[in-house]
N, C-alpha and C. Protein backbone atom coordinates (compact mmCIF):
# COMPACT_ATOMS: atom_id res chain seq x y z
N MET A 1 -52.74 -36.97 -7.73
CA MET A 1 -51.52 -36.27 -7.36
C MET A 1 -50.74 -37.11 -6.36
N SER A 2 -49.45 -37.06 -6.51
CA SER A 2 -48.61 -37.80 -5.58
C SER A 2 -48.47 -37.01 -4.27
N GLU A 3 -47.94 -37.68 -3.29
CA GLU A 3 -47.76 -37.05 -1.98
C GLU A 3 -46.79 -35.87 -2.08
N ILE A 4 -45.75 -35.99 -2.88
CA ILE A 4 -44.78 -34.90 -3.06
C ILE A 4 -45.45 -33.69 -3.69
N GLU A 5 -46.29 -33.91 -4.71
CA GLU A 5 -47.00 -32.80 -5.36
C GLU A 5 -47.94 -32.12 -4.39
N ARG A 6 -48.61 -32.89 -3.52
CA ARG A 6 -49.52 -32.31 -2.53
C ARG A 6 -48.76 -31.42 -1.55
N LYS A 7 -47.62 -31.90 -1.09
CA LYS A 7 -46.82 -31.10 -0.15
C LYS A 7 -46.29 -29.83 -0.81
N PHE A 8 -45.87 -29.96 -2.07
CA PHE A 8 -45.37 -28.79 -2.80
C PHE A 8 -46.48 -27.76 -2.99
N ASN A 9 -47.68 -28.21 -3.35
CA ASN A 9 -48.81 -27.30 -3.52
C ASN A 9 -49.17 -26.61 -2.21
N LYS A 10 -49.08 -27.35 -1.11
CA LYS A 10 -49.40 -26.76 0.19
C LYS A 10 -48.39 -25.67 0.54
N LEU A 11 -47.12 -25.91 0.27
CA LEU A 11 -46.09 -24.90 0.54
C LEU A 11 -46.26 -23.67 -0.36
N CYS A 12 -46.50 -23.89 -1.64
CA CYS A 12 -46.67 -22.77 -2.58
C CYS A 12 -47.94 -21.99 -2.28
N GLY A 13 -48.98 -22.69 -1.86
CA GLY A 13 -50.27 -22.05 -1.62
C GLY A 13 -50.22 -21.02 -0.52
N LYS A 14 -49.34 -21.22 0.46
CA LYS A 14 -49.24 -20.26 1.56
C LYS A 14 -48.76 -18.89 1.08
N VAL A 15 -47.97 -18.88 0.04
CA VAL A 15 -47.49 -17.62 -0.53
C VAL A 15 -48.43 -17.15 -1.63
N ARG A 16 -48.88 -18.08 -2.45
CA ARG A 16 -49.66 -17.76 -3.64
C ARG A 16 -50.99 -17.10 -3.30
N TYR A 17 -51.64 -17.53 -2.21
CA TYR A 17 -52.98 -16.99 -1.94
C TYR A 17 -52.96 -15.49 -1.67
N LYS A 18 -51.87 -14.99 -1.10
CA LYS A 18 -51.79 -13.56 -0.79
C LYS A 18 -51.86 -12.72 -2.06
N VAL A 19 -51.18 -13.18 -3.11
CA VAL A 19 -51.17 -12.45 -4.37
C VAL A 19 -52.46 -12.68 -5.13
N GLU A 20 -52.89 -13.93 -5.20
CA GLU A 20 -54.09 -14.24 -5.97
C GLU A 20 -55.34 -13.62 -5.36
N ARG A 21 -55.36 -13.48 -4.03
CA ARG A 21 -56.49 -12.83 -3.37
C ARG A 21 -56.59 -11.36 -3.81
N THR A 22 -55.45 -10.70 -3.94
CA THR A 22 -55.43 -9.30 -4.35
C THR A 22 -55.97 -9.16 -5.77
N PHE A 23 -55.45 -9.97 -6.70
CA PHE A 23 -55.91 -9.88 -8.08
C PHE A 23 -57.37 -10.29 -8.22
N GLY A 24 -57.80 -11.27 -7.45
CA GLY A 24 -59.21 -11.67 -7.48
C GLY A 24 -60.12 -10.57 -6.98
N SER A 25 -59.69 -9.86 -5.95
CA SER A 25 -60.49 -8.75 -5.42
C SER A 25 -60.57 -7.61 -6.42
N ILE A 26 -59.45 -7.30 -7.07
CA ILE A 26 -59.46 -6.25 -8.08
C ILE A 26 -60.40 -6.63 -9.21
N ARG A 27 -60.38 -7.87 -9.61
CA ARG A 27 -61.26 -8.33 -10.68
C ARG A 27 -62.73 -8.24 -10.28
N ARG A 28 -63.02 -8.64 -9.03
CA ARG A 28 -64.40 -8.65 -8.55
C ARG A 28 -64.92 -7.23 -8.29
N TRP A 29 -64.14 -6.40 -7.60
CA TRP A 29 -64.63 -5.10 -7.18
C TRP A 29 -64.57 -4.05 -8.28
N PHE A 30 -63.53 -4.11 -9.12
CA PHE A 30 -63.30 -3.04 -10.08
C PHE A 30 -63.34 -3.52 -11.52
N ASN A 31 -63.83 -4.73 -11.74
CA ASN A 31 -63.89 -5.32 -13.09
C ASN A 31 -62.50 -5.29 -13.73
N GLY A 32 -61.49 -5.60 -12.94
CA GLY A 32 -60.12 -5.62 -13.42
C GLY A 32 -59.88 -6.83 -14.31
N GLY A 33 -58.77 -6.82 -15.00
CA GLY A 33 -58.45 -7.91 -15.90
C GLY A 33 -59.01 -7.72 -17.28
N THR A 34 -59.74 -6.64 -17.48
CA THR A 34 -60.31 -6.32 -18.79
C THR A 34 -59.56 -5.13 -19.36
N ALA A 35 -59.05 -5.31 -20.57
CA ALA A 35 -58.31 -4.21 -21.22
C ALA A 35 -59.32 -3.21 -21.78
N ARG A 36 -59.27 -2.00 -21.29
CA ARG A 36 -60.19 -0.97 -21.76
C ARG A 36 -59.54 -0.03 -22.77
N TYR A 37 -58.22 -0.11 -22.87
CA TYR A 37 -57.48 0.82 -23.71
C TYR A 37 -56.51 0.06 -24.59
N LYS A 38 -56.07 0.71 -25.65
CA LYS A 38 -55.02 0.16 -26.49
C LYS A 38 -53.73 0.89 -26.16
N GLY A 39 -52.65 0.14 -26.03
CA GLY A 39 -51.36 0.75 -25.75
C GLY A 39 -50.87 0.40 -24.36
N ILE A 40 -49.58 0.20 -24.28
CA ILE A 40 -48.95 -0.19 -23.03
C ILE A 40 -49.06 0.90 -21.96
N LYS A 41 -48.84 2.14 -22.34
CA LYS A 41 -48.86 3.23 -21.36
C LYS A 41 -50.25 3.40 -20.74
N LYS A 42 -51.28 3.33 -21.57
CA LYS A 42 -52.63 3.50 -21.04
C LYS A 42 -53.03 2.31 -20.17
N MET A 43 -52.64 1.11 -20.57
CA MET A 43 -52.96 -0.07 -19.76
C MET A 43 -52.18 -0.05 -18.44
N HIS A 44 -50.96 0.43 -18.49
CA HIS A 44 -50.18 0.54 -17.26
C HIS A 44 -50.86 1.52 -16.30
N ALA A 45 -51.32 2.63 -16.83
CA ALA A 45 -52.03 3.61 -16.00
C ALA A 45 -53.30 3.00 -15.41
N GLN A 46 -54.03 2.22 -16.21
CA GLN A 46 -55.24 1.57 -15.71
C GLN A 46 -54.89 0.62 -14.57
N ASN A 47 -53.84 -0.17 -14.73
CA ASN A 47 -53.45 -1.11 -13.69
C ASN A 47 -53.00 -0.40 -12.42
N LEU A 48 -52.29 0.70 -12.57
CA LEU A 48 -51.88 1.48 -11.40
C LEU A 48 -53.09 2.04 -10.66
N LEU A 49 -54.05 2.56 -11.40
CA LEU A 49 -55.25 3.12 -10.77
C LEU A 49 -56.09 2.03 -10.10
N GLU A 50 -56.14 0.84 -10.69
CA GLU A 50 -56.86 -0.26 -10.04
C GLU A 50 -56.16 -0.66 -8.75
N GLY A 51 -54.84 -0.68 -8.76
CA GLY A 51 -54.09 -0.98 -7.54
C GLY A 51 -54.29 0.08 -6.47
N LEU A 52 -54.31 1.33 -6.88
CA LEU A 52 -54.56 2.43 -5.95
C LEU A 52 -55.97 2.33 -5.36
N ALA A 53 -56.93 2.05 -6.20
CA ALA A 53 -58.32 1.90 -5.72
C ALA A 53 -58.42 0.73 -4.74
N TYR A 54 -57.73 -0.37 -5.04
CA TYR A 54 -57.74 -1.52 -4.13
C TYR A 54 -57.16 -1.13 -2.78
N ASN A 55 -56.03 -0.42 -2.78
CA ASN A 55 -55.41 -0.01 -1.52
C ASN A 55 -56.31 0.93 -0.72
N LEU A 56 -56.98 1.84 -1.40
CA LEU A 56 -57.90 2.75 -0.71
C LEU A 56 -59.10 2.00 -0.15
N TYR A 57 -59.59 1.04 -0.90
CA TYR A 57 -60.74 0.25 -0.47
C TYR A 57 -60.40 -0.58 0.76
N ARG A 58 -59.19 -1.12 0.80
CA ARG A 58 -58.76 -1.98 1.90
C ARG A 58 -58.22 -1.21 3.10
N SER A 59 -57.87 0.04 2.93
CA SER A 59 -57.18 0.77 3.99
C SER A 59 -57.95 0.85 5.31
N PRO A 60 -59.26 1.06 5.35
CA PRO A 60 -59.93 1.11 6.66
C PRO A 60 -59.79 -0.20 7.43
N ALA A 61 -59.86 -1.32 6.74
CA ALA A 61 -59.74 -2.61 7.41
C ALA A 61 -58.33 -2.87 7.90
N ILE A 62 -57.36 -2.23 7.28
CA ILE A 62 -55.96 -2.40 7.70
C ILE A 62 -55.62 -1.43 8.81
N ILE A 63 -56.10 -0.20 8.73
CA ILE A 63 -55.73 0.84 9.70
C ILE A 63 -56.44 0.65 11.04
N MET A 64 -57.71 0.34 11.03
CA MET A 64 -58.48 0.27 12.28
C MET A 64 -57.94 -0.77 13.26
N PRO A 65 -57.68 -2.01 12.85
CA PRO A 65 -57.13 -2.96 13.84
C PRO A 65 -55.80 -2.49 14.42
N ASN A 66 -54.97 -1.86 13.61
CA ASN A 66 -53.69 -1.35 14.11
C ASN A 66 -53.89 -0.20 15.08
N ALA A 67 -54.89 0.66 14.81
CA ALA A 67 -55.17 1.78 15.69
C ALA A 67 -55.70 1.27 17.04
N LEU A 68 -56.52 0.23 17.01
CA LEU A 68 -57.05 -0.32 18.24
C LEU A 68 -55.96 -0.99 19.07
N LYS A 69 -54.97 -1.60 18.43
CA LYS A 69 -53.86 -2.21 19.15
C LYS A 69 -53.05 -1.15 19.88
N ASN A 70 -52.86 0.00 19.24
CA ASN A 70 -52.04 1.06 19.81
C ASN A 70 -52.71 1.76 20.98
N GLU A 71 -54.05 1.70 21.07
CA GLU A 71 -54.77 2.35 22.15
C GLU A 71 -54.59 1.59 23.46
N LYS A 72 -54.39 0.31 23.38
CA LYS A 72 -54.33 -0.51 24.60
C LYS A 72 -53.10 -0.28 25.40
């Protein structure tokens, strides 16, 4: 890779990891990325529920540090 490509990847990676980490976690924790149903509406519902489950799973780790900051 050239120096320009390395710099470009470094800049893109700062944004990309936030999204890819989410999808990787959904895949690992909830076996996401596998189509269990036929049809766009059913698959959309599955993706929404996986996203909801991810948010519920992550919420204690997000809420607690913020709650501790507010106590000080």
